[in-house]
Every structure is written in structure tokens, then in C-alpha cells.
Amino acid sequence: MSRAAALAAVALACAGLVAACGSGSDAGGAAGGAAVRFQVFGDAAELAAYRELVGAYERTSADDVRLIEVPDRDAHLQKIATGFAAGSPPQAFLVNYRNFAGYAARGALDPVGPRLQASAVLERGAFYRRPLEAFEFGGELQCIPQNVSSLVVYFNRDLFRKAGLKDPRPGWSFGEFVEAARALTGPPAQGDAVRTYGVGMEPSIVRLAPFVWSAGGDIVDDAGDPGRFTIGTRRGREGLFAFLDLQGGERLAPFEQEVEAKGLDARFLDGELGMLLSSRREVPTFRTIEDFDWDVASFPTLREPASVLHSDAYCLAKGEGADAAWRFVEFAAGPRGQRILARSGRIVPSLKRVARSKDFLDPALPPRSSQVFLDAIPTIRRLPVASTWPELEDAVDLALKRAYYTELTVDETLARIDRETAPLLERARDARP
């Protein structure tokens, strides 16, 4: 089930029945002995960090936390939707800002804004502003941001040296990025040999966005209330062409069949990919690498610095268990909880004090250049928050995938995006408070 289908299930479960979106009577809400169901997704290294977080909380609290572990994002969203449909969702769950608005629009969430204002543990001013803004809907903070990541370039330092390249400089240009990708891309493989590619990147709107922004274009006409996609402007096209040419131009990235046979993460882990564009979530797994040295660099600049916000937040399901869930979230989103996850490598802390601490910036733990994530925060932009955004994203991603792998022309791609997103954007506007 796609993200769009998962959230559509929530719509069916919650339409006109806000009570059905409560957390159920078995959760417990009184102080002491409450059982909080907390759902996350991730690979083994990520899930280990959440186990550590839950263990630390339980050692200091009378509440119990039942960690619900899901292996991937789509299954995570599907399981949340199934829980809401049954009237018993997890009382606390992590969700990206691109996926929470459907829940908020239907009254399924217990907004954290009033709780944050009354908290003796957390204060709004301690968090970075951009992720807070991303989780606002209907004029209210709905979920408390866990992280404030951005799109960065992971690079294999050993392959850079082998190709005669120096580490990317701060603020490097897109031209320098392409030259590095060319130098890192090996000749076509012969026999059983594996070809080394210069760069890996999934064809999606969350990857395309900083290319468009850095070129001086925009993804939509109004991020707060999108009415149409604007990738087809002159500057938008410049960013789109830069994005597509990495694959369809010089073949500096693996083709579709190659990615299906072996994913980009696995290729980087095995030393077959010079650079990978991704967010902070790769770090716990990449810290298992022993065969080569790696680090991170900033997203390259076409015309102006830009990156895209990657941020997850702790959301509370409306219902009896919300008070107990908030006590856990206060800990998880607070200094102690964020330090635990920062040390695991999983997050760029949304708390400024923790982000600037050794828990996150320790150069003894890869990536040694974690400051890159903090340097990107002033130029981070977010994708729109809209109730139909998961469906919009699925539609745009499919069109971009076909363009990235050269099955659609740019004009065909833009026309398809306009045609398929227009009714979804209209529905999103109708659903706004």
C-alpha cells in the first residue's frame, strides 16, 4: 500500500467520525502504570536506537511503553491507518511533515501546541523554527518535531582519492558536483564485474525540490496553500534538467533495472557508489561500514544555496491515552531523549542546544562533518503541508520516475503532473480549516 492509499484509509475511517479516531479505552491515561503504544519504522540500526530511547524512559517513569516496530515507511503508514480504522491506533507515532496533514484535517490528532505551552520540560523557543512551522495545521502545532534534517551528499572518500579528487568544499557548485560524478563513474562493466557509478538518487519530488529551488524556481505557487505546480517555469526547468541529466544524460547514476536488482543504499555500503543524496537517516547503517572512509557534504549550488527539509515528529492520537503518550513524548523530544537519538546517528536534533552539542557533532563518530546539517538549516525550505499531499507526491513521483529513466520527455512529464495534480490540489484547499 502506498502512502496515499494508507492515508486514504484514514480518511475513510475518520470521515465524520472523530470519535473513531481516538486511541481506545485500553490505553490507560492516568499517571502511573499507563501503557503507551509508540510506533516507529526503520532498519535494524534505527530501531535499536528507539529501543534504547524507550528503555531510558521506562527507567525514569512509572509508565510502560510498548514499542511497535515496522520495517518500512509504507507499512508504517498502513498500520497506523488500520489502527485508526479499528479505533485503536498507537497513542504516539512518528510521521513526516509531508504525511501528517490528513490526520490533522480529520481531527484524529491531539494537537501538541497547548501541551507544549503548558510543559515544564519543553519550551517552543528551544526548537528550530522551521520544523515547528512544518507541523502547523489550522493555526495550531499538531506534532512535536524530532529532527531537522536536510538533503546532503554522502561521499565515499576512498573512491574520491582513487579518482584524484579532494573532499567537496563547503558551498561547492553544481558544476563541481557533476565533475566529481563523472570522475567517479567507471566504464561499463564486463562479465561479472560491477560498475561503479558517480551518484545515486531516487527520482522523487523530495529529491527534485532543492534542484528547482537552487536554480531559482519553485515547486508550487504557494507552499502554504498550493494551487498549482510551477516546475515548468524557466528556472524550474533549469533545476529539472539538472536533476534528470544525472541519469538520462551522461548515465552517472544506475539505471532502473540496476536499482531494482540492488538498491542505492546497498550500493553505497558495498563501495559501488561514489555519492548518495539522502537525509540523516542513513547514518546509523553507514556507521557499520568498515571497508572505506565516508563523510557528508552540502547539497551543491546551482544559483543559490538550498536544501529540503526532512523532519519527523511525534504525533499523539486523540483519545484517553494522550496524556500518558505526552509524558513519553516530553521525554523523547526533550534533551535526554534527543541526546540518545543524536548519539545513535539517527537524527539532526530539533532542539538547538542538543544539535550544537558533542552528542551530535562528535568528530570521532562518522560523519565527521555533521556540521554540514546545521549549516544547511538557514537555507532549508519545506514542501507544502496539505491533506492530499501524499497522493500528490505519489502522482508526481511516478511522473518523475518515468522522466528520470527517459520514458517521458520533459514536456510530457510536466503536462502529466499538471493534469493529475489539479483535482488533488483542489481537494486539499477544500479540506483546509
Protein backbone atom coordinates (compact mmCIF):
# COMPACT_ATOMS: atom_id res chain seq x y z
CA MET A 1 0.00 0.00 0.00
CA SER A 2 1.33 3.43 -0.97
CA ARG A 3 1.41 6.42 1.37
CA ALA A 4 -1.58 7.83 -0.49
CA ALA A 5 -3.58 4.63 -0.06
CA ALA A 6 -2.62 4.41 3.61
CA LEU A 7 -3.84 7.90 4.34
CA ALA A 8 -6.93 7.36 2.23
CA ALA A 9 -7.76 4.55 4.63
CA VAL A 10 -7.55 7.07 7.45
CA ALA A 11 -9.97 9.31 5.58
CA LEU A 12 -12.50 6.50 5.30
CA ALA A 13 -12.07 5.58 8.94
CA CYS A 14 -12.33 9.14 10.22
CA ALA A 15 -14.71 10.92 7.88
CA GLY A 16 -17.39 12.41 10.08
CA LEU A 17 -16.41 10.16 12.99
CA VAL A 18 -13.76 11.91 15.02
CA ALA A 19 -14.50 9.64 17.96
CA ALA A 20 -13.46 6.66 15.89
CA CYS A 21 -10.02 8.19 15.64
CA GLY A 22 -9.46 8.01 19.41
CA SER A 23 -6.89 5.72 20.90
CA GLY A 24 -9.29 3.33 22.60
CA SER A 25 -10.06 2.64 26.22
CA ASP A 26 -7.35 0.04 26.78
CA ALA A 27 -4.50 2.54 26.61
CA GLY A 28 -4.68 3.90 30.13
CA GLY A 29 -4.32 7.57 30.79
CA ALA A 30 -3.78 8.00 34.49
CA ALA A 31 -0.34 8.73 35.84
CA GLY A 32 1.46 5.56 36.80
CA GLY A 33 1.21 2.22 35.07
CA ALA A 34 -0.09 3.54 31.75
CA ALA A 35 0.79 1.52 28.65
CA VAL A 36 1.75 3.72 25.70
CA ARG A 37 1.85 2.20 22.25
CA PHE A 38 4.59 4.00 20.31
CA GLN A 39 5.05 3.12 16.63
CA VAL A 40 8.15 3.75 14.52
CA PHE A 41 9.69 2.38 11.34
CA GLY A 42 13.27 1.87 10.24
CA ASP A 43 16.03 -0.60 9.57
CA ALA A 44 17.78 -2.58 12.30
CA ALA A 45 20.18 0.19 13.30
CA GLU A 46 17.40 2.79 13.54
CA LEU A 47 15.10 0.52 15.54
CA ALA A 48 17.92 -0.23 18.01
CA ALA A 49 18.10 3.50 18.76
CA TYR A 50 14.38 3.62 19.53
CA ARG A 51 14.69 0.62 21.84
CA GLU A 52 17.37 2.49 23.74
CA LEU A 53 15.12 5.56 23.93
CA VAL A 54 12.18 3.57 25.29
CA GLY A 55 14.39 1.76 27.81
CA ALA A 56 15.76 5.04 29.13
CA TYR A 57 12.25 6.42 29.57
CA GLU A 58 10.94 3.37 31.37
CA ARG A 59 13.81 3.54 33.87
CA THR A 60 12.64 7.01 34.92
CA SER A 61 8.86 6.63 34.65
CA ALA A 62 6.02 4.59 36.08
CA ASP A 63 4.59 4.32 32.57
CA ASP A 64 5.26 1.40 30.26
CA VAL A 65 5.94 1.92 26.56
CA ARG A 66 5.18 -0.77 24.03
CA LEU A 67 7.40 -0.13 21.02
CA ILE A 68 5.74 -1.15 17.76
CA GLU A 69 8.46 -1.69 15.16
CA VAL A 70 7.66 -1.57 11.44
CA PRO A 71 10.34 -2.18 8.78
CA ASP A 72 9.41 0.45 6.19
CA ARG A 73 7.52 3.71 5.75
CA ASP A 74 4.59 2.47 3.69
CA ALA A 75 3.90 -0.42 6.06
CA HIS A 76 4.17 2.05 8.96
CA LEU A 77 1.51 4.33 7.47
CA GLN A 78 -0.69 1.40 6.59
CA LYS A 79 -0.52 0.07 10.15
CA ILE A 80 -1.40 3.49 11.60
CA ALA A 81 -4.36 3.71 9.21
CA THR A 82 -5.51 0.23 10.19
CA GLY A 83 -5.29 1.21 13.86
CA PHE A 84 -7.39 4.33 13.32
CA ALA A 85 -9.96 2.34 11.34
CA ALA A 86 -10.25 -0.13 14.24
CA GLY A 87 -10.50 2.69 16.81
CA SER A 88 -7.18 1.71 18.43
CA PRO A 89 -4.23 3.49 16.79
CA PRO A 90 -0.86 3.82 18.52
CA GLN A 91 -1.11 6.62 21.09
CA ALA A 92 2.18 8.06 19.83
CA PHE A 93 3.78 7.64 16.44
CA LEU A 94 6.41 9.23 14.25
CA VAL A 95 5.35 10.75 10.95
CA ASN A 96 6.96 13.05 8.40
CA TYR A 97 5.53 16.55 7.93
CA ARG A 98 4.60 15.59 4.38
CA ASN A 99 2.21 12.94 5.74
CA PHE A 100 0.52 14.31 8.87
CA ALA A 101 -1.99 16.83 7.49
CA GLY A 102 -4.57 14.22 6.52
CA TYR A 103 -4.75 13.10 10.13
CA ALA A 104 -4.98 16.67 11.40
CA ALA A 105 -7.66 17.67 8.89
CA ARG A 106 -9.94 14.93 10.20
CA GLY A 107 -9.44 15.65 13.87
CA ALA A 108 -7.53 12.42 14.52
CA LEU A 109 -4.67 14.12 16.37
CA ASP A 110 -4.39 15.59 19.84
CA PRO A 111 -2.64 18.90 18.98
CA VAL A 112 0.56 19.36 20.99
CA GLY A 113 0.56 23.18 20.87
CA PRO A 114 -1.34 23.70 24.15
CA ARG A 115 0.60 20.89 25.82
CA LEU A 116 3.92 22.43 24.76
CA GLN A 117 2.85 25.82 26.09
CA ALA A 118 1.99 24.29 29.48
CA SER A 119 5.04 21.99 29.64
CA ALA A 120 7.59 22.33 32.43
CA VAL A 121 10.04 20.23 30.38
CA LEU A 122 9.93 21.76 26.89
CA GLU A 123 9.65 25.27 25.53
CA ARG A 124 8.90 26.33 21.97
CA GLY A 125 11.86 28.70 21.70
CA ALA A 126 14.32 25.86 22.32
CA PHE A 127 13.42 24.23 18.98
CA TYR A 128 14.48 25.24 15.50
CA ARG A 129 11.73 27.30 13.90
CA ARG A 130 11.49 25.58 10.52
CA PRO A 131 10.37 22.12 11.68
CA LEU A 132 7.87 23.69 14.08
CA GLU A 133 6.31 25.60 11.20
CA ALA A 134 6.16 22.43 9.13
CA PHE A 135 3.92 20.72 11.69
CA GLU A 136 1.38 23.52 11.99
CA PHE A 137 -2.10 22.96 10.56
CA GLY A 138 -5.17 25.07 11.08
CA GLY A 139 -3.11 27.60 13.04
CA GLU A 140 -2.10 25.01 15.66
CA LEU A 141 1.07 23.00 16.27
CA GLN A 142 -0.10 19.44 15.74
CA CYS A 143 3.03 17.35 16.44
CA ILE A 144 6.38 17.99 18.16
CA PRO A 145 9.35 17.80 15.74
CA GLN A 146 12.00 15.22 16.49
CA ASN A 147 14.58 16.27 13.88
CA VAL A 148 15.57 18.92 11.35
CA SER A 149 17.48 17.08 8.65
CA SER A 150 18.24 18.20 5.11
CA LEU A 151 19.33 16.64 1.84
CA VAL A 152 23.10 16.14 1.83
CA VAL A 153 25.68 14.32 -0.28
CA TYR A 154 27.19 11.21 1.28
CA PHE A 155 30.51 10.50 -0.38
CA ASN A 156 32.99 7.64 -0.41
CA ARG A 157 36.27 9.30 0.49
CA ASP A 158 38.32 6.33 -0.70
CA LEU A 159 36.74 6.49 -4.17
CA PHE A 160 37.32 10.26 -4.21
CA ARG A 161 41.03 9.71 -3.53
CA LYS A 162 41.26 6.93 -6.11
CA ALA A 163 39.79 9.31 -8.70
CA GLY A 164 42.22 12.06 -7.70
CA LEU A 165 39.51 14.18 -6.10
CA LYS A 166 39.65 16.27 -2.94
CA ASP A 167 36.77 16.36 -0.47
CA PRO A 168 33.92 18.61 -1.63
CA ARG A 169 34.49 22.16 -0.43
CA PRO A 170 31.82 23.99 1.61
CA GLY A 171 29.37 25.64 -0.77
CA TRP A 172 30.56 23.66 -3.79
CA SER A 173 28.86 24.32 -7.10
CA PHE A 174 26.67 22.02 -9.10
CA GLY A 175 29.33 22.05 -11.81
CA GLU A 176 31.89 20.73 -9.34
CA PHE A 177 29.41 18.08 -8.23
CA VAL A 178 28.89 16.89 -11.82
CA GLU A 179 32.63 16.84 -12.50
CA ALA A 180 33.11 14.66 -9.42
CA ALA A 181 30.31 12.32 -10.55
CA ARG A 182 31.99 11.98 -13.97
CA ALA A 183 35.36 11.16 -12.40
CA LEU A 184 33.78 8.60 -10.08
CA THR A 185 31.76 6.79 -12.76
CA GLY A 186 33.58 3.76 -14.07
CA PRO A 187 33.45 2.21 -17.56
CA PRO A 188 30.63 -0.19 -18.44
CA ALA A 189 31.05 -3.44 -16.54
CA GLN A 190 32.34 -6.53 -18.32
CA GLY A 191 31.26 -10.02 -17.36
CA ASP A 192 30.58 -10.36 -13.64
CA ALA A 193 32.24 -7.05 -12.79
CA VAL A 194 30.19 -4.35 -11.05
CA ARG A 195 30.14 -0.85 -12.49
CA THR A 196 30.89 1.99 -10.11
CA TYR A 197 28.58 4.98 -10.52
CA GLY A 198 29.29 8.54 -9.53
CA VAL A 199 25.96 9.35 -7.91
CA GLY A 200 22.77 7.71 -6.68
CA MET A 201 19.46 9.47 -6.15
CA GLU A 202 15.85 8.36 -6.11
CA PRO A 203 13.60 10.10 -8.67
CA SER A 204 11.13 11.84 -6.37
CA ILE A 205 9.77 15.29 -5.59
CA VAL A 206 11.63 15.44 -2.27
CA ARG A 207 14.90 14.95 -4.17
CA LEU A 208 13.98 17.25 -7.06
CA ALA A 209 12.86 20.17 -4.88
CA PRO A 210 16.31 21.54 -3.89
CA PHE A 211 17.44 21.40 -7.54
CA VAL A 212 14.48 23.59 -8.51
CA TRP A 213 14.91 25.95 -5.56
CA SER A 214 18.66 26.25 -6.07
CA ALA A 215 18.03 27.17 -9.71
CA GLY A 216 15.71 29.96 -8.54
CA GLY A 217 12.41 28.21 -9.27
CA ASP A 218 9.54 26.97 -7.13
CA ILE A 219 7.73 23.67 -6.78
CA VAL A 220 4.28 25.20 -6.20
CA ASP A 221 2.78 28.66 -6.39
CA ASP A 222 2.15 28.91 -2.63
CA ALA A 223 3.69 26.48 -0.13
CA GLY A 224 1.08 27.43 2.48
CA ASP A 225 -1.90 26.97 0.18
CA PRO A 226 -0.76 25.34 -3.08
CA GLY A 227 -2.97 25.82 -6.12
CA ARG A 228 -0.69 24.51 -8.87
CA PHE A 229 2.77 23.11 -9.53
CA THR A 230 5.25 25.58 -11.02
CA ILE A 231 8.16 23.35 -12.00
CA GLY A 232 7.57 24.29 -15.64
CA THR A 233 8.84 27.87 -15.31
CA ARG A 234 12.17 28.77 -16.91
CA ARG A 235 14.12 28.47 -13.65
CA GLY A 236 12.10 25.44 -12.59
CA ARG A 237 13.00 23.68 -15.81
CA GLU A 238 16.65 24.53 -15.25
CA GLY A 239 16.56 22.64 -11.96
CA LEU A 240 14.57 19.79 -13.50
CA PHE A 241 17.05 19.37 -16.37
CA ALA A 242 19.98 19.32 -13.90
CA PHE A 243 18.17 16.61 -11.96
CA LEU A 244 17.27 14.47 -14.97
CA ASP A 245 20.62 14.76 -16.73
CA LEU A 246 22.41 12.91 -13.92
CA GLN A 247 20.69 9.75 -15.13
CA GLY A 248 19.38 10.27 -18.64
CA GLY A 249 22.22 12.43 -19.94
CA GLU A 250 25.62 11.01 -19.12
CA ARG A 251 24.44 7.95 -17.17
CA LEU A 252 26.25 9.00 -14.00
CA ALA A 253 23.67 7.09 -11.92
CA PRO A 254 22.40 3.50 -12.04
CA PHE A 255 19.51 2.72 -14.36
CA GLU A 256 16.13 1.44 -13.17
CA GLN A 257 16.83 -2.29 -13.59
CA GLU A 258 20.13 -1.92 -11.78
CA VAL A 259 18.47 -0.19 -8.81
CA GLU A 260 15.76 -2.84 -8.70
CA ALA A 261 18.45 -5.53 -8.56
CA LYS A 262 20.46 -3.70 -5.89
CA GLY A 263 19.28 -0.61 -4.04
CA LEU A 264 21.23 2.62 -3.76
CA ASP A 265 21.91 2.20 -0.03
CA ALA A 266 23.33 -1.27 -0.64
CA ARG A 267 25.50 0.04 -3.47
CA PHE A 268 26.95 2.74 -1.23
CA LEU A 269 27.54 0.24 1.58
CA ASP A 270 29.41 -2.03 -0.84
CA GLY A 271 31.60 0.76 -2.18
CA GLU A 272 29.97 0.82 -5.63
CA LEU A 273 28.60 4.36 -5.44
CA GLY A 274 30.73 7.48 -5.20
CA MET A 275 27.98 9.77 -3.87
CA LEU A 276 24.47 9.28 -2.50
CA LEU A 277 21.93 12.04 -1.97
CA SER A 278 19.90 11.39 1.16
CA SER A 279 18.95 12.66 4.62
CA ARG A 280 20.37 11.93 8.08
CA ARG A 281 18.54 8.62 8.38
CA GLU A 282 21.37 6.77 6.57
CA VAL A 283 23.90 7.41 9.33
CA PRO A 284 23.18 4.54 11.79
CA THR A 285 23.51 1.98 8.99
CA PHE A 286 26.51 3.66 7.36
CA ARG A 287 28.33 3.60 10.69
CA THR A 288 28.64 -0.16 10.19
CA ILE A 289 30.95 0.43 7.20
CA GLU A 290 34.46 -0.84 7.86
CA ASP A 291 35.93 -1.14 4.35
CA PHE A 292 36.20 2.54 3.44
CA ASP A 293 36.05 6.07 4.81
CA TRP A 294 32.98 8.24 4.15
CA ASP A 295 31.62 11.64 5.05
CA VAL A 296 28.91 14.15 4.09
CA ALA A 297 28.95 17.34 2.04
CA SER A 298 26.39 20.07 1.45
CA PHE A 299 23.90 19.96 -1.40
CA PRO A 300 25.62 21.63 -4.38
CA THR A 301 24.55 25.08 -5.52
CA LEU A 302 23.14 25.82 -8.97
CA ARG A 303 22.36 29.53 -8.47
CA GLU A 304 21.65 29.91 -4.75
CA PRO A 305 22.08 27.68 -1.69
CA ALA A 306 19.07 25.48 -0.99
CA SER A 307 18.08 22.24 0.64
CA VAL A 308 14.85 20.49 1.51
CA LEU A 309 13.53 19.87 4.99
CA HIS A 310 13.39 16.27 6.18
CA SER A 311 11.60 16.25 9.51
CA ASP A 312 9.64 13.70 11.50
CA ALA A 313 7.58 14.46 14.58
CA TYR A 314 5.94 12.72 17.50
CA CYS A 315 2.17 12.85 16.99
CA LEU A 316 -0.49 11.95 19.56
CA ALA A 317 -3.69 10.14 18.64
CA LYS A 318 -6.76 11.79 20.15
CA GLY A 319 -8.20 9.71 22.98
CA GLU A 320 -7.77 8.51 26.54
CA GLY A 321 -4.12 7.58 26.18
CA ALA A 322 -2.99 11.02 25.04
CA ASP A 323 -1.85 12.22 28.50
CA ALA A 324 0.41 9.21 29.04
CA ALA A 325 1.66 9.47 25.47
CA TRP A 326 2.53 13.15 26.03
CA ARG A 327 4.61 12.26 29.10
CA PHE A 328 6.65 9.91 26.90
CA VAL A 329 6.89 12.47 24.09
CA GLU A 330 8.10 15.14 26.53
CA PHE A 331 10.99 12.83 27.35
CA ALA A 332 11.64 11.67 23.77
CA ALA A 333 11.57 15.21 22.32
CA GLY A 334 13.41 16.67 25.31
CA PRO A 335 17.14 16.94 25.93
CA ARG A 336 17.66 13.40 27.26
CA GLY A 337 15.70 11.71 24.50
CA GLN A 338 17.28 13.75 21.72
CA ARG A 339 20.77 13.09 23.07
CA ILE A 340 20.13 9.34 22.90
CA LEU A 341 18.99 9.50 19.27
CA ALA A 342 21.71 12.01 18.35
CA ARG A 343 24.42 9.68 19.64
CA SER A 344 22.92 6.85 17.59
CA GLY A 345 23.39 8.97 14.48
CA ARG A 346 19.69 8.82 13.61
CA ILE A 347 18.64 12.47 13.97
CA VAL A 348 19.69 16.04 13.49
CA PRO A 349 18.19 17.23 16.80
CA SER A 350 15.36 19.72 16.58
CA LEU A 351 16.49 21.13 19.95
CA LYS A 352 19.15 23.73 19.20
CA ARG A 353 21.15 23.03 22.36
CA VAL A 354 21.45 19.30 21.59
CA ALA A 355 22.21 19.92 17.90
CA ARG A 356 25.17 22.09 18.86
CA SER A 357 26.49 19.61 21.43
CA LYS A 358 29.07 16.85 21.18
CA ASP A 359 26.24 14.31 21.24
CA PHE A 360 25.58 15.30 17.63
CA LEU A 361 28.84 16.89 16.45
CA ASP A 362 31.36 14.41 17.91
CA PRO A 363 34.02 14.15 15.14
CA ALA A 364 35.08 10.75 16.45
CA LEU A 365 31.81 9.32 15.11
CA PRO A 366 31.13 9.39 11.36
CA PRO A 367 30.23 11.52 9.60
CA ARG A 368 32.95 13.80 10.89
CA SER A 369 31.35 16.73 9.03
CA SER A 370 27.97 16.66 10.79
CA GLN A 371 28.15 20.45 10.99
CA VAL A 372 27.02 20.35 7.34
CA PHE A 373 23.48 19.55 8.51
CA LEU A 374 23.39 22.57 10.83
CA ASP A 375 24.91 24.88 8.22
CA ALA A 376 22.05 23.96 5.87
CA ILE A 377 19.27 24.99 8.27
CA PRO A 378 19.15 28.70 7.26
CA THR A 379 18.55 27.72 3.61
CA ILE A 380 16.18 24.80 4.22
CA ARG A 381 12.76 25.02 2.60
CA ARG A 382 9.81 22.72 3.12
CA LEU A 383 7.41 21.08 0.76
CA PRO A 384 3.74 22.01 1.17
CA VAL A 385 1.62 20.79 4.06
CA ALA A 386 -1.66 19.63 2.56
CA SER A 387 -4.19 16.94 3.40
CA THR A 388 -3.77 15.33 -0.04
CA TRP A 389 0.00 15.75 -0.24
CA PRO A 390 0.78 12.00 -0.03
CA GLU A 391 -1.43 11.44 -3.08
CA LEU A 392 0.11 14.43 -4.83
CA GLU A 393 3.58 13.17 -4.07
CA ASP A 394 2.78 9.69 -5.40
CA ALA A 395 1.47 11.17 -8.66
CA VAL A 396 4.45 13.49 -9.16
CA ASP A 397 6.97 10.81 -8.17
CA LEU A 398 5.63 8.40 -10.77
CA ALA A 399 5.89 11.04 -13.50
CA LEU A 400 9.43 11.99 -12.39
CA LYS A 401 10.47 8.35 -12.33
CA ARG A 402 9.38 7.88 -15.91
CA ALA A 403 11.22 11.06 -16.93
CA TYR A 404 14.35 10.14 -14.95
CA TYR A 405 14.53 6.82 -16.74
CA THR A 406 13.92 8.55 -20.12
CA GLU A 407 10.44 7.16 -20.85
CA LEU A 408 8.79 10.61 -20.86
CA THR A 409 10.01 13.91 -22.28
CA VAL A 410 10.17 16.93 -20.01
CA ASP A 411 7.08 18.46 -21.64
CA GLU A 412 5.15 15.19 -21.29
CA THR A 413 6.22 14.98 -17.65
CA LEU A 414 5.10 18.50 -16.81
CA ALA A 415 1.79 18.04 -18.61
CA ARG A 416 1.16 14.81 -16.73
CA ILE A 417 1.96 16.47 -13.41
CA ASP A 418 -0.45 19.34 -14.13
CA ARG A 419 -3.21 17.00 -15.25
CA GLU A 420 -3.01 14.56 -12.33
CA THR A 421 -2.40 17.05 -9.52
CA ALA A 422 -5.09 19.64 -10.31
CA PRO A 423 -8.02 17.75 -8.69
CA LEU A 424 -5.89 16.74 -5.69
CA LEU A 425 -4.84 20.33 -5.07
CA GLU A 426 -8.48 21.41 -5.22
CA ARG A 427 -9.43 18.77 -2.67
CA ALA A 428 -6.63 19.93 -0.37
CA ARG A 429 -7.91 23.51 -0.50
CA ASP A 430 -11.44 22.33 0.30
CA ALA A 431 -10.13 20.44 3.35
CA ARG A 432 -8.26 23.37 4.89
CA PRO A 433 -9.79 24.72 8.14
